[in-house]
Amino acid sequence: MRKRSELLESITETIADYREGEVQRPTPEHVDKWIGQFDRDVQKPMLNELDHVLKRTYFSKENVNDFLAALVNSKKLAGDNPCTFWEGVEFLQIQGGGNSQREMLAIFDSILENECDLKTKDCGETPAAYLYLDDAIFSGNRVRTDIGKWIRSDAPNNAVLHVVTIALHRGGRYYASTSIKEFAKAAEKKIEVKWWRSIEIEDRKRYIDSSDV
């Protein structure tokens, strides 16, 4: 097992931009103070595991920008003429709680303007597709609720909906996807949902012996 000082330094480097501009930049001393609340004999194993998990799951601002920039130019999503595709997308702003969707859309807006000279608010005048953007899908309840309300109100009778998120839990996607199909059926609408993510986390009960969570 690595030295305590090495683990503190490694964790600090990984989360260096956490809430940058809102809180003080993390330091090894800060992490050391945090871990100090636990019993001494479990502190080092916890630091070792935390370092391992953060290396796999923490997304820096640079990581987020890279993911969204790749998405803008993704041939699989946007085809051979990505700027034309994005011009026909309506970006949904329907999140019922929190600010994550607004913050993600602000980042995407900047990238789209740089790549295509487009602003998200000017796209989708006559929508060919719709996009729901958020940072992560955990239980799936947030996206299920938001899209359910949209289907019952503003969604057209036929629509292609792209759900884009950095991290996606498979159990959450299954729950949300099943509910969205039921909402669409009840509203007598045809909603084709396509899911896009950077990382996918296995958390379904049937895979408990090999799950990530």
N, C-alpha and C. Protein backbone atom coordinates (compact mmCIF):
# COMPACT_ATOMS: atom_id res chain seq x y z
N MET A 1 0.84 -1.19 0.00
CA MET A 1 0.00 0.00 0.00
C MET A 1 0.88 1.25 0.00
N ARG A 2 0.46 2.26 -0.74
CA ARG A 2 1.25 3.49 -0.85
C ARG A 2 1.30 4.25 0.46
N LYS A 3 2.30 5.12 0.57
CA LYS A 3 2.45 5.93 1.77
C LYS A 3 1.26 6.89 1.90
N ARG A 4 0.97 7.23 3.14
CA ARG A 4 -0.14 8.13 3.42
C ARG A 4 0.06 9.47 2.70
N SER A 5 1.25 10.01 2.75
CA SER A 5 1.53 11.29 2.12
C SER A 5 1.32 11.24 0.61
N GLU A 6 1.66 10.11 -0.01
CA GLU A 6 1.48 9.94 -1.46
C GLU A 6 0.00 9.90 -1.81
N LEU A 7 -0.79 9.23 -0.97
CA LEU A 7 -2.23 9.14 -1.22
C LEU A 7 -2.89 10.51 -1.08
N LEU A 8 -2.51 11.25 -0.07
CA LEU A 8 -3.06 12.59 0.13
C LEU A 8 -2.75 13.49 -1.06
N GLU A 9 -1.53 13.41 -1.54
CA GLU A 9 -1.10 14.22 -2.68
C GLU A 9 -1.85 13.80 -3.95
N SER A 10 -2.00 12.50 -4.15
CA SER A 10 -2.67 11.99 -5.35
C SER A 10 -4.13 12.40 -5.39
N ILE A 11 -4.83 12.28 -4.27
CA ILE A 11 -6.24 12.67 -4.20
C ILE A 11 -6.39 14.17 -4.47
N THR A 12 -5.49 14.94 -3.89
CA THR A 12 -5.53 16.40 -4.08
C THR A 12 -5.35 16.77 -5.55
N GLU A 13 -4.44 16.10 -6.23
CA GLU A 13 -4.21 16.38 -7.64
C GLU A 13 -5.43 16.02 -8.48
N THR A 14 -6.08 14.92 -8.16
CA THR A 14 -7.25 14.47 -8.93
C THR A 14 -8.40 15.47 -8.84
N ILE A 15 -8.64 16.00 -7.64
CA ILE A 15 -9.80 16.88 -7.44
C ILE A 15 -9.39 18.36 -7.42
N ALA A 16 -8.30 18.67 -8.05
CA ALA A 16 -7.73 20.02 -7.99
C ALA A 16 -8.72 21.12 -8.40
N ASP A 17 -9.61 20.84 -9.35
CA ASP A 17 -10.53 21.89 -9.82
C ASP A 17 -11.93 21.74 -9.24
N TYR A 18 -12.08 20.99 -8.16
CA TYR A 18 -13.39 20.80 -7.55
C TYR A 18 -13.97 22.13 -7.08
N ARG A 19 -15.14 22.50 -7.60
CA ARG A 19 -15.84 23.76 -7.27
C ARG A 19 -14.88 24.95 -7.31
N GLU A 20 -14.08 24.96 -8.36
CA GLU A 20 -13.09 26.02 -8.51
C GLU A 20 -13.77 27.39 -8.56
N GLY A 21 -13.26 28.32 -7.75
CA GLY A 21 -13.85 29.65 -7.68
C GLY A 21 -14.92 29.77 -6.61
N GLU A 22 -15.40 28.63 -6.09
CA GLU A 22 -16.43 28.63 -5.05
C GLU A 22 -15.83 28.33 -3.67
N VAL A 23 -14.89 27.38 -3.65
CA VAL A 23 -14.24 26.99 -2.40
C VAL A 23 -12.74 27.06 -2.59
N GLN A 24 -12.01 27.01 -1.48
CA GLN A 24 -10.56 27.02 -1.57
C GLN A 24 -10.05 25.77 -2.27
N ARG A 25 -8.96 25.92 -2.99
CA ARG A 25 -8.37 24.80 -3.71
C ARG A 25 -7.97 23.70 -2.72
N PRO A 26 -8.33 22.45 -2.99
CA PRO A 26 -7.99 21.36 -2.07
C PRO A 26 -6.48 21.23 -1.86
N THR A 27 -6.09 20.86 -0.65
CA THR A 27 -4.69 20.64 -0.31
C THR A 27 -4.56 19.30 0.40
N PRO A 28 -3.37 18.72 0.44
CA PRO A 28 -3.17 17.47 1.20
C PRO A 28 -3.59 17.63 2.66
N GLU A 29 -3.37 18.81 3.22
CA GLU A 29 -3.73 19.06 4.61
C GLU A 29 -5.25 19.02 4.79
N HIS A 30 -5.97 19.54 3.81
CA HIS A 30 -7.43 19.52 3.87
C HIS A 30 -7.95 18.08 3.83
N VAL A 31 -7.41 17.27 2.92
CA VAL A 31 -7.82 15.87 2.82
C VAL A 31 -7.46 15.12 4.10
N ASP A 32 -6.30 15.43 4.65
CA ASP A 32 -5.84 14.78 5.87
C ASP A 32 -6.77 15.12 7.04
N LYS A 33 -7.23 16.35 7.10
CA LYS A 33 -8.16 16.76 8.14
C LYS A 33 -9.48 16.04 7.99
N TRP A 34 -9.93 15.88 6.74
CA TRP A 34 -11.20 15.19 6.48
C TRP A 34 -11.12 13.73 6.92
N ILE A 35 -10.05 13.04 6.54
CA ILE A 35 -9.95 11.61 6.86
C ILE A 35 -9.76 11.41 8.36
N GLY A 36 -9.33 12.46 9.05
CA GLY A 36 -9.09 12.36 10.48
C GLY A 36 -10.32 12.11 11.32
N GLN A 37 -11.49 12.27 10.75
CA GLN A 37 -12.73 12.04 11.50
C GLN A 37 -13.00 10.55 11.71
N PHE A 38 -12.27 9.70 10.96
CA PHE A 38 -12.48 8.25 11.06
C PHE A 38 -11.41 7.62 11.96
N ASP A 39 -11.68 6.40 12.42
CA ASP A 39 -10.72 5.70 13.28
C ASP A 39 -9.38 5.56 12.58
N ARG A 40 -8.32 5.68 13.34
CA ARG A 40 -6.97 5.69 12.77
C ARG A 40 -6.67 4.45 11.93
N ASP A 41 -7.12 3.30 12.38
CA ASP A 41 -6.75 2.06 11.68
C ASP A 41 -7.45 1.89 10.33
N VAL A 42 -8.49 2.69 10.05
CA VAL A 42 -9.17 2.56 8.75
C VAL A 42 -8.83 3.72 7.82
N GLN A 43 -8.10 4.71 8.31
CA GLN A 43 -7.85 5.89 7.50
C GLN A 43 -7.05 5.59 6.23
N LYS A 44 -5.97 4.86 6.36
CA LYS A 44 -5.15 4.61 5.19
C LYS A 44 -5.85 3.71 4.16
N PRO A 45 -6.52 2.63 4.58
CA PRO A 45 -7.30 1.85 3.60
C PRO A 45 -8.36 2.69 2.90
N MET A 46 -9.00 3.60 3.65
CA MET A 46 -10.01 4.46 3.05
C MET A 46 -9.39 5.41 2.03
N LEU A 47 -8.25 5.97 2.37
CA LEU A 47 -7.56 6.86 1.42
C LEU A 47 -7.17 6.12 0.16
N ASN A 48 -6.71 4.89 0.33
CA ASN A 48 -6.29 4.08 -0.81
C ASN A 48 -7.48 3.81 -1.73
N GLU A 49 -8.62 3.46 -1.14
CA GLU A 49 -9.82 3.17 -1.94
C GLU A 49 -10.38 4.44 -2.57
N LEU A 50 -10.37 5.54 -1.83
CA LEU A 50 -10.86 6.81 -2.36
C LEU A 50 -10.02 7.26 -3.55
N ASP A 51 -8.73 7.11 -3.44
CA ASP A 51 -7.83 7.47 -4.54
C ASP A 51 -8.14 6.64 -5.79
N HIS A 52 -8.37 5.34 -5.57
CA HIS A 52 -8.69 4.43 -6.67
C HIS A 52 -10.00 4.81 -7.35
N VAL A 53 -11.03 5.09 -6.55
CA VAL A 53 -12.35 5.42 -7.09
C VAL A 53 -12.33 6.75 -7.83
N LEU A 54 -11.71 7.76 -7.22
CA LEU A 54 -11.67 9.08 -7.85
C LEU A 54 -10.91 9.06 -9.17
N LYS A 55 -9.88 8.26 -9.25
CA LYS A 55 -9.11 8.16 -10.50
C LYS A 55 -9.99 7.65 -11.64
N ARG A 56 -10.99 6.85 -11.29
CA ARG A 56 -11.87 6.26 -12.30
C ARG A 56 -13.11 7.10 -12.58
N THR A 57 -13.56 7.88 -11.60
CA THR A 57 -14.87 8.51 -11.73
C THR A 57 -14.90 10.03 -11.65
N TYR A 58 -13.84 10.67 -11.19
CA TYR A 58 -13.87 12.13 -11.09
C TYR A 58 -13.66 12.74 -12.47
N PHE A 59 -14.55 13.65 -12.84
CA PHE A 59 -14.44 14.34 -14.12
C PHE A 59 -14.05 15.79 -13.89
N SER A 60 -12.86 16.14 -14.34
CA SER A 60 -12.42 17.53 -14.24
C SER A 60 -13.17 18.36 -15.29
N LYS A 61 -13.04 19.66 -15.20
CA LYS A 61 -13.67 20.53 -16.20
C LYS A 61 -13.12 20.23 -17.59
N GLU A 62 -11.84 19.91 -17.64
CA GLU A 62 -11.23 19.57 -18.94
C GLU A 62 -11.84 18.30 -19.51
N ASN A 63 -12.07 17.30 -18.63
CA ASN A 63 -12.70 16.05 -19.07
C ASN A 63 -14.10 16.31 -19.62
N VAL A 64 -14.86 17.14 -18.93
CA VAL A 64 -16.22 17.45 -19.35
C VAL A 64 -16.22 18.16 -20.71
N ASN A 65 -15.34 19.13 -20.86
CA ASN A 65 -15.24 19.86 -22.13
C ASN A 65 -14.84 18.93 -23.27
N ASP A 66 -13.91 18.03 -23.01
CA ASP A 66 -13.47 17.08 -24.04
C ASP A 66 -14.61 16.16 -24.47
N PHE A 67 -15.40 15.69 -23.50
CA PHE A 67 -16.52 14.82 -23.80
C PHE A 67 -17.56 15.52 -24.67
N LEU A 68 -17.91 16.74 -24.28
CA LEU A 68 -18.94 17.47 -25.03
C LEU A 68 -18.44 17.91 -26.41
N ALA A 69 -17.16 18.26 -26.50
CA ALA A 69 -16.60 18.64 -27.80
C ALA A 69 -16.60 17.45 -28.75
N ALA A 70 -16.28 16.28 -28.22
CA ALA A 70 -16.30 15.07 -29.05
C ALA A 70 -17.72 14.75 -29.47
N LEU A 71 -18.67 15.02 -28.61
CA LEU A 71 -20.08 14.76 -28.91
C LEU A 71 -20.57 15.66 -30.05
N VAL A 72 -20.17 16.92 -30.01
CA VAL A 72 -20.59 17.87 -31.05
C VAL A 72 -20.18 17.36 -32.43
N ASN A 73 -19.00 16.77 -32.51
CA ASN A 73 -18.48 16.31 -33.80
C ASN A 73 -18.63 14.82 -34.03
N SER A 74 -19.42 14.17 -33.18
CA SER A 74 -19.61 12.73 -33.31
C SER A 74 -20.40 12.38 -34.57
N LYS A 75 -19.80 11.63 -35.44
CA LYS A 75 -20.47 11.23 -36.68
C LYS A 75 -21.65 10.31 -36.37
N LYS A 76 -21.50 9.48 -35.33
CA LYS A 76 -22.55 8.55 -34.96
C LYS A 76 -23.80 9.29 -34.50
N LEU A 77 -23.61 10.42 -33.84
CA LEU A 77 -24.74 11.21 -33.36
C LEU A 77 -25.17 12.27 -34.37
N ALA A 78 -24.22 13.05 -34.85
CA ALA A 78 -24.54 14.24 -35.65
C ALA A 78 -24.38 14.04 -37.16
N GLY A 79 -23.90 12.88 -37.59
CA GLY A 79 -23.79 12.62 -39.02
C GLY A 79 -22.61 13.32 -39.67
N ASP A 80 -22.65 13.43 -40.98
CA ASP A 80 -21.54 14.01 -41.75
C ASP A 80 -21.50 15.53 -41.68
N ASN A 81 -22.62 16.16 -41.36
CA ASN A 81 -22.68 17.62 -41.26
C ASN A 81 -23.18 18.02 -39.88
N PRO A 82 -22.29 17.93 -38.88
CA PRO A 82 -22.71 18.15 -37.49
C PRO A 82 -23.35 19.50 -37.23
N CYS A 83 -22.86 20.56 -37.84
CA CYS A 83 -23.42 21.89 -37.57
C CYS A 83 -24.86 21.99 -38.06
N THR A 84 -25.14 21.36 -39.20
CA THR A 84 -26.51 21.32 -39.71
C THR A 84 -27.40 20.53 -38.78
N PHE A 85 -26.87 19.43 -38.26
CA PHE A 85 -27.63 18.61 -37.31
C PHE A 85 -27.99 19.41 -36.06
N TRP A 86 -26.99 20.08 -35.47
CA TRP A 86 -27.24 20.80 -34.22
C TRP A 86 -28.18 21.99 -34.41
N GLU A 87 -28.17 22.56 -35.59
CA GLU A 87 -29.08 23.67 -35.86
C GLU A 87 -30.54 23.23 -35.77
N GLY A 88 -30.77 21.93 -36.01
CA GLY A 88 -32.13 21.40 -35.97
C GLY A 88 -32.51 20.74 -34.66
N VAL A 89 -31.66 20.90 -33.63
CA VAL A 89 -31.93 20.28 -32.33
C VAL A 89 -32.51 21.30 -31.35
N GLU A 90 -33.58 20.93 -30.68
CA GLU A 90 -34.10 21.77 -29.60
C GLU A 90 -33.53 21.27 -28.27
N PHE A 91 -32.85 22.15 -27.56
CA PHE A 91 -32.23 21.80 -26.30
C PHE A 91 -33.24 22.02 -25.17
N LEU A 92 -33.64 20.93 -24.56
CA LEU A 92 -34.66 21.01 -23.51
C LEU A 92 -34.08 21.59 -22.23
N GLN A 93 -34.81 22.51 -21.64
CA GLN A 93 -34.46 23.07 -20.33
C GLN A 93 -35.65 22.83 -19.42
N ILE A 94 -35.74 21.60 -18.95
CA ILE A 94 -36.95 21.17 -18.25
C ILE A 94 -36.64 20.54 -16.89
N GLN A 95 -35.41 20.70 -16.42
CA GLN A 95 -35.04 20.09 -15.14
C GLN A 95 -35.87 20.68 -14.01
N GLY A 96 -36.49 19.79 -13.25
CA GLY A 96 -37.37 20.24 -12.19
C GLY A 96 -36.68 20.62 -10.90
N GLY A 97 -35.42 20.28 -10.75
CA GLY A 97 -34.70 20.60 -9.52
C GLY A 97 -33.21 20.66 -9.75
N GLY A 98 -32.52 21.57 -9.07
CA GLY A 98 -31.08 21.68 -9.21
C GLY A 98 -30.66 22.55 -10.38
N ASN A 99 -29.36 22.76 -10.51
CA ASN A 99 -28.82 23.62 -11.56
C ASN A 99 -27.92 22.89 -12.55
N SER A 100 -27.80 21.58 -12.41
CA SER A 100 -26.84 20.85 -13.23
C SER A 100 -27.13 20.96 -14.72
N GLN A 101 -28.41 20.92 -15.11
CA GLN A 101 -28.74 21.01 -16.53
C GLN A 101 -28.37 22.39 -17.08
N ARG A 102 -28.68 23.42 -16.35
CA ARG A 102 -28.35 24.78 -16.78
C ARG A 102 -26.83 24.95 -16.92
N GLU A 103 -26.08 24.41 -15.97
CA GLU A 103 -24.63 24.52 -16.01
C GLU A 103 -24.04 23.73 -17.18
N MET A 104 -24.56 22.53 -17.42
CA MET A 104 -24.08 21.72 -18.53
C MET A 104 -24.40 22.37 -19.87
N LEU A 105 -25.60 22.95 -19.97
CA LEU A 105 -25.98 23.62 -21.21
C LEU A 105 -25.10 24.84 -21.48
N ALA A 106 -24.67 25.52 -20.43
CA ALA A 106 -23.78 26.68 -20.59
C ALA A 106 -22.44 26.24 -21.18
N ILE A 107 -21.93 25.11 -20.71
CA ILE A 107 -20.67 24.58 -21.25
C ILE A 107 -20.87 24.16 -22.70
N PHE A 108 -21.95 23.44 -22.96
CA PHE A 108 -22.23 22.98 -24.32
C PHE A 108 -22.41 24.17 -25.27
N ASP A 109 -23.06 25.21 -24.78
CA ASP A 109 -23.31 26.40 -25.58
C ASP A 109 -22.00 27.02 -26.06
N SER A 110 -21.04 27.09 -25.16
CA SER A 110 -19.74 27.66 -25.51
C SER A 110 -19.02 26.82 -26.56
N ILE A 111 -19.09 25.51 -26.40
CA ILE A 111 -18.44 24.60 -27.36
C ILE A 111 -19.12 24.68 -28.72
N LEU A 112 -20.45 24.69 -28.72
CA LEU A 112 -21.20 24.74 -29.97
C LEU A 112 -20.93 26.04 -30.72
N GLU A 113 -20.82 27.13 -29.99
CA GLU A 113 -20.52 28.40 -30.63
C GLU A 113 -19.12 28.37 -31.24
N ASN A 114 -18.18 27.76 -30.56
CA ASN A 114 -16.81 27.67 -31.06
C ASN A 114 -16.71 26.78 -32.29
N GLU A 115 -17.46 25.68 -32.28
CA GLU A 115 -17.38 24.70 -33.37
C GLU A 115 -18.26 25.06 -34.57
N CYS A 116 -19.43 25.62 -34.30
CA CYS A 116 -20.41 25.82 -35.37
C CYS A 116 -20.95 27.25 -35.47
N ASP A 117 -20.46 28.13 -34.63
CA ASP A 117 -20.97 29.50 -34.59
C ASP A 117 -22.48 29.51 -34.35
N LEU A 118 -22.92 28.63 -33.45
CA LEU A 118 -24.33 28.52 -33.10
C LEU A 118 -24.50 28.67 -31.59
N LYS A 119 -25.65 29.19 -31.18
CA LYS A 119 -26.02 29.23 -29.78
C LYS A 119 -27.20 28.28 -29.58
N THR A 120 -27.20 27.58 -28.47
CA THR A 120 -28.26 26.59 -28.26
C THR A 120 -29.65 27.20 -28.31
N LYS A 121 -29.79 28.43 -27.84
CA LYS A 121 -31.11 29.07 -27.82
C LYS A 121 -31.63 29.38 -29.23
N ASP A 122 -30.73 29.42 -30.20
CA ASP A 122 -31.12 29.72 -31.58
C ASP A 122 -31.36 28.46 -32.41
N CYS A 123 -31.11 27.30 -31.81
CA CYS A 123 -31.28 26.04 -32.54
C CYS A 123 -32.70 25.49 -32.35
N GLY A 124 -33.07 24.59 -33.25
CA GLY A 124 -34.34 23.88 -33.10
C GLY A 124 -35.59 24.69 -33.35
N GLU A 125 -35.51 25.65 -34.27
CA GLU A 125 -36.70 26.44 -34.58
C GLU A 125 -37.80 25.54 -35.13
N THR A 126 -37.40 24.60 -35.98
CA THR A 126 -38.30 23.53 -36.42
C THR A 126 -37.58 22.22 -36.10
N PRO A 127 -37.74 21.71 -34.90
CA PRO A 127 -36.90 20.61 -34.39
C PRO A 127 -36.98 19.32 -35.21
N ALA A 128 -35.78 18.81 -35.51
CA ALA A 128 -35.68 17.48 -36.10
C ALA A 128 -35.38 16.46 -35.00
N ALA A 129 -34.90 16.96 -33.87
CA ALA A 129 -34.58 16.11 -32.72
C ALA A 129 -34.56 16.99 -31.47
N TYR A 130 -34.58 16.33 -30.32
CA TYR A 130 -34.55 17.03 -29.03
C TYR A 130 -33.40 16.46 -28.20
N LEU A 131 -32.88 17.30 -27.30
CA LEU A 131 -31.75 16.85 -26.48
C LEU A 131 -31.96 17.24 -25.03
N TYR A 132 -31.82 16.25 -24.15
CA TYR A 132 -31.88 16.45 -22.71
C TYR A 132 -30.47 16.21 -22.18
N LEU A 133 -29.88 17.24 -21.60
CA LEU A 133 -28.49 17.18 -21.14
C LEU A 133 -28.42 17.32 -19.63
N ASP A 134 -27.64 16.44 -18.99
CA ASP A 134 -27.43 16.55 -17.55
C ASP A 134 -26.07 15.94 -17.22
N ASP A 135 -25.64 16.11 -15.97
CA ASP A 135 -24.31 15.63 -15.61
C ASP A 135 -24.27 14.13 -15.36
N ALA A 136 -25.31 13.59 -14.69
CA ALA A 136 -25.29 12.16 -14.36
C ALA A 136 -26.70 11.64 -14.16
N ILE A 137 -26.85 10.35 -14.42
CA ILE A 137 -28.10 9.65 -14.11
C ILE A 137 -27.78 8.62 -13.05
N PHE A 138 -28.40 8.77 -11.88
CA PHE A 138 -28.17 7.87 -10.77
C PHE A 138 -29.34 6.88 -10.66
N SER A 139 -30.36 7.22 -9.91
CA SER A 139 -31.53 6.34 -9.80
C SER A 139 -32.38 6.38 -11.05
N GLY A 140 -32.27 7.47 -11.82
CA GLY A 140 -33.09 7.65 -13.02
C GLY A 140 -34.36 8.43 -12.76
N ASN A 141 -34.62 8.76 -11.49
CA ASN A 141 -35.88 9.41 -11.16
C ASN A 141 -35.98 10.83 -11.71
N ARG A 142 -34.86 11.58 -11.68
CA ARG A 142 -34.88 12.96 -12.16
C ARG A 142 -35.21 13.02 -13.66
N VAL A 143 -34.49 12.24 -14.47
CA VAL A 143 -34.74 12.27 -15.92
C VAL A 143 -36.12 11.69 -16.23
N ARG A 144 -36.54 10.69 -15.48
CA ARG A 144 -37.87 10.09 -15.67
C ARG A 144 -38.96 11.13 -15.43
N THR A 145 -38.84 11.87 -14.34
CA THR A 145 -39.84 12.88 -14.00
C THR A 145 -39.86 14.02 -15.00
N ASP A 146 -38.68 14.53 -15.34
CA ASP A 146 -38.59 15.66 -16.27
C ASP A 146 -39.17 15.31 -17.64
N ILE A 147 -38.74 14.19 -18.18
CA ILE A 147 -39.18 13.81 -19.52
C ILE A 147 -40.65 13.39 -19.51
N GLY A 148 -41.09 12.78 -18.42
CA GLY A 148 -42.50 12.42 -18.30
C GLY A 148 -43.40 13.64 -18.41
N LYS A 149 -43.03 14.73 -17.71
CA LYS A 149 -43.81 15.96 -17.79
C LYS A 149 -43.77 16.55 -19.20
N TRP A 150 -42.61 16.46 -19.83
CA TRP A 150 -42.46 16.99 -21.19
C TRP A 150 -43.34 16.21 -22.17
N ILE A 151 -43.36 14.90 -22.03
CA ILE A 151 -44.18 14.06 -22.91
C ILE A 151 -45.66 14.41 -22.76
N ARG A 152 -46.08 14.63 -21.54
CA ARG A 152 -47.50 14.92 -21.30
C ARG A 152 -47.90 16.33 -21.72
N SER A 153 -46.91 17.19 -21.97
CA SER A 153 -47.23 18.58 -22.31
C SER A 153 -46.73 18.99 -23.68
N ASP A 154 -45.46 19.33 -23.79
CA ASP A 154 -44.94 19.99 -25.00
C ASP A 154 -44.42 19.05 -26.09
N ALA A 155 -44.17 17.81 -25.76
CA ALA A 155 -43.58 16.90 -26.75
C ALA A 155 -44.52 16.70 -27.93
N PRO A 156 -43.97 16.67 -29.16
CA PRO A 156 -44.81 16.40 -30.33
C PRO A 156 -45.25 14.94 -30.34
N ASN A 157 -46.10 14.59 -31.27
CA ASN A 157 -46.59 13.21 -31.34
C ASN A 157 -45.52 12.22 -31.75
N ASN A 158 -44.54 12.71 -32.51
CA ASN A 158 -43.41 11.87 -32.91
C ASN A 158 -42.12 12.65 -32.66
N ALA A 159 -41.17 12.03 -31.98
CA ALA A 159 -39.94 12.75 -31.67
C ALA A 159 -38.78 11.79 -31.43
N VAL A 160 -37.59 12.27 -31.79
CA VAL A 160 -36.35 11.58 -31.43
C VAL A 160 -35.72 12.40 -30.31
N LEU A 161 -35.48 11.75 -29.18
CA LEU A 161 -34.94 12.43 -28.01
C LEU A 161 -33.58 11.83 -27.65
N HIS A 162 -32.55 12.68 -27.62
CA HIS A 162 -31.21 12.25 -27.21
C HIS A 162 -31.00 12.64 -25.75
N VAL A 163 -30.71 11.66 -24.92
CA VAL A 163 -30.39 11.92 -23.52
C VAL A 163 -28.88 11.81 -23.37
N VAL A 164 -28.25 12.93 -23.02
CA VAL A 164 -26.79 12.99 -22.93
C VAL A 164 -26.36 13.25 -21.49
N THR A 165 -25.47 12.44 -20.98
CA THR A 165 -24.99 12.58 -19.62
C THR A 165 -23.54 12.10 -19.53
N ILE A 166 -22.80 12.65 -18.60
CA ILE A 166 -21.41 12.22 -18.42
C ILE A 166 -21.38 10.79 -17.88
N ALA A 167 -22.08 10.57 -16.77
CA ALA A 167 -22.10 9.25 -16.14
C ALA A 167 -23.51 8.70 -16.12
N LEU A 168 -23.63 7.41 -16.40
CA LEU A 168 -24.94 6.79 -16.47
C LEU A 168 -24.91 5.48 -15.69
N HIS A 169 -25.79 5.34 -14.71
CA HIS A 169 -25.94 4.08 -13.99
C HIS A 169 -26.96 3.23 -14.74
N ARG A 170 -26.59 1.99 -15.02
CA ARG A 170 -27.45 1.14 -15.84
C ARG A 170 -28.81 0.88 -15.21
N GLY A 171 -28.84 0.74 -13.91
CA GLY A 171 -30.12 0.55 -13.23
C GLY A 171 -31.01 1.77 -13.39
N GLY A 172 -30.42 2.94 -13.30
CA GLY A 172 -31.16 4.18 -13.47
C GLY A 172 -31.70 4.34 -14.88
N ARG A 173 -30.87 3.97 -15.85
CA ARG A 173 -31.33 4.06 -17.24
C ARG A 173 -32.50 3.10 -17.48
N TYR A 174 -32.40 1.89 -16.95
CA TYR A 174 -33.48 0.92 -17.14
C TYR A 174 -34.78 1.43 -16.54
N TYR A 175 -34.69 1.96 -15.33
CA TYR A 175 -35.88 2.49 -14.66
C TYR A 175 -36.48 3.65 -15.45
N ALA A 176 -35.63 4.60 -15.85
CA ALA A 176 -36.11 5.77 -16.59
C ALA A 176 -36.66 5.38 -17.95
N SER A 177 -35.95 4.52 -18.65
CA SER A 177 -36.36 4.11 -20.00
C SER A 177 -37.71 3.40 -19.97
N THR A 178 -37.90 2.51 -19.00
CA THR A 178 -39.17 1.79 -18.89
C THR A 178 -40.32 2.76 -18.63
N SER A 179 -40.09 3.72 -17.74
CA SER A 179 -41.14 4.69 -17.41
C SER A 179 -41.45 5.60 -18.58
N ILE A 180 -40.41 6.04 -19.30
CA ILE A 180 -40.61 6.93 -20.44
C ILE A 180 -41.46 6.25 -21.52
N LYS A 181 -41.22 4.97 -21.75
CA LYS A 181 -42.02 4.22 -22.71
C LYS A 181 -43.49 4.17 -22.27
N GLU A 182 -43.70 4.00 -20.97
CA GLU A 182 -45.07 3.95 -20.45
C GLU A 182 -45.75 5.32 -20.57
N PHE A 183 -45.00 6.40 -20.30
CA PHE A 183 -45.55 7.74 -20.43
C PHE A 183 -45.96 8.03 -21.89
N ALA A 184 -45.09 7.64 -22.82
CA ALA A 184 -45.35 7.88 -24.23
C ALA A 184 -46.57 7.10 -24.70
N LYS A 185 -46.67 5.87 -24.24
CA LYS A 185 -47.82 5.04 -24.62
C LYS A 185 -49.12 5.64 -24.09
N ALA A 186 -49.08 6.09 -22.84
CA ALA A 186 -50.28 6.69 -22.24
C ALA A 186 -50.69 7.97 -22.95
N ALA A 187 -49.69 8.72 -23.44
CA ALA A 187 -49.98 9.98 -24.14
C ALA A 187 -50.23 9.76 -25.63
N GLU A 188 -50.13 8.50 -26.07
CA GLU A 188 -50.31 8.14 -27.47
C GLU A 188 -49.32 8.91 -28.36
N LYS A 189 -48.07 8.91 -27.90
CA LYS A 189 -47.00 9.56 -28.65
C LYS A 189 -45.87 8.56 -28.89
N LYS A 190 -45.15 8.77 -29.97
CA LYS A 190 -44.01 7.91 -30.29
C LYS A 190 -42.73 8.69 -30.01
N ILE A 191 -42.04 8.31 -28.94
CA ILE A 191 -40.81 8.99 -28.53
C ILE A 191 -39.65 7.98 -28.59
N GLU A 192 -38.75 8.19 -29.52
CA GLU A 192 -37.57 7.32 -29.63
C GLU A 192 -36.44 7.95 -28.82
N VAL A 193 -35.99 7.24 -27.80
CA VAL A 193 -34.95 7.77 -26.90
C VAL A 193 -33.61 7.10 -27.20
N LYS A 194 -32.58 7.93 -27.37
CA LYS A 194 -31.22 7.44 -27.58
C LYS A 194 -30.35 7.98 -26.44
N TRP A 195 -29.55 7.09 -25.86
CA TRP A 195 -28.76 7.42 -24.68
C TRP A 195 -27.28 7.57 -25.05
N TRP A 196 -26.65 8.65 -24.54
CA TRP A 196 -25.24 8.92 -24.81
C TRP A 196 -24.55 9.23 -23.49
N ARG A 197 -23.38 8.63 -23.27
CA ARG A 197 -22.68 8.85 -22.02
C ARG A 197 -21.18 8.68 -22.21
N SER A 198 -20.43 9.21 -21.26
CA SER A 198 -18.98 9.02 -21.27
C SER A 198 -18.60 7.75 -20.53
N ILE A 199 -19.17 7.55 -19.34
CA ILE A 199 -18.93 6.31 -18.60
C ILE A 199 -20.26 5.69 -18.19
N GLU A 200 -20.28 4.36 -18.13
CA GLU A 200 -21.47 3.63 -17.75
C GLU A 200 -21.14 2.78 -16.54
N ILE A 201 -21.97 2.88 -15.51
CA ILE A 201 -21.70 2.22 -14.24
C ILE A 201 -22.74 1.12 -13.99
N GLU A 202 -22.24 -0.09 -13.76
CA GLU A 202 -23.14 -1.22 -13.52
C GLU A 202 -23.60 -1.22 -12.07
N ASP A 203 -24.92 -1.12 -11.88
CA ASP A 203 -25.46 -1.12 -10.52
C ASP A 203 -26.75 -1.93 -10.41
N ARG A 204 -27.02 -2.74 -11.43
CA ARG A 204 -28.25 -3.53 -11.41
C ARG A 204 -28.13 -4.71 -10.45
N LYS A 205 -29.21 -5.02 -9.75
CA LYS A 205 -29.18 -6.05 -8.71
C LYS A 205 -28.79 -7.42 -9.25
N ARG A 206 -29.19 -7.72 -10.47
CA ARG A 206 -28.90 -9.05 -11.02
C ARG A 206 -27.42 -9.23 -11.29
N TYR A 207 -26.66 -8.12 -11.32
CA TYR A 207 -25.22 -8.19 -11.54
C TYR A 207 -24.46 -7.81 -10.28
N ILE A 208 -25.05 -8.06 -9.12
CA ILE A 208 -24.46 -7.60 -7.86
C ILE A 208 -23.07 -8.16 -7.60
N ASP A 209 -22.78 -9.36 -8.13
CA ASP A 209 -21.48 -9.97 -7.89
C ASP A 209 -20.36 -9.34 -8.73
N SER A 210 -20.75 -8.55 -9.73
CA SER A 210 -19.73 -7.93 -10.59
C SER A 210 -20.02 -6.44 -10.81
N SER A 211 -20.87 -5.87 -9.94
CA SER A 211 -21.27 -4.49 -10.14
C SER A 211 -20.17 -3.50 -9.76
N ASP A 212 -20.27 -2.30 -10.33
CA ASP A 212 -19.33 -1.23 -10.00
C ASP A 212 -19.75 -0.55 -8.70
N VAL A 213 -21.03 -0.56 -8.41
CA VAL A 213 -21.58 0.06 -7.20
C VAL A 213 -22.40 -0.97 -6.46
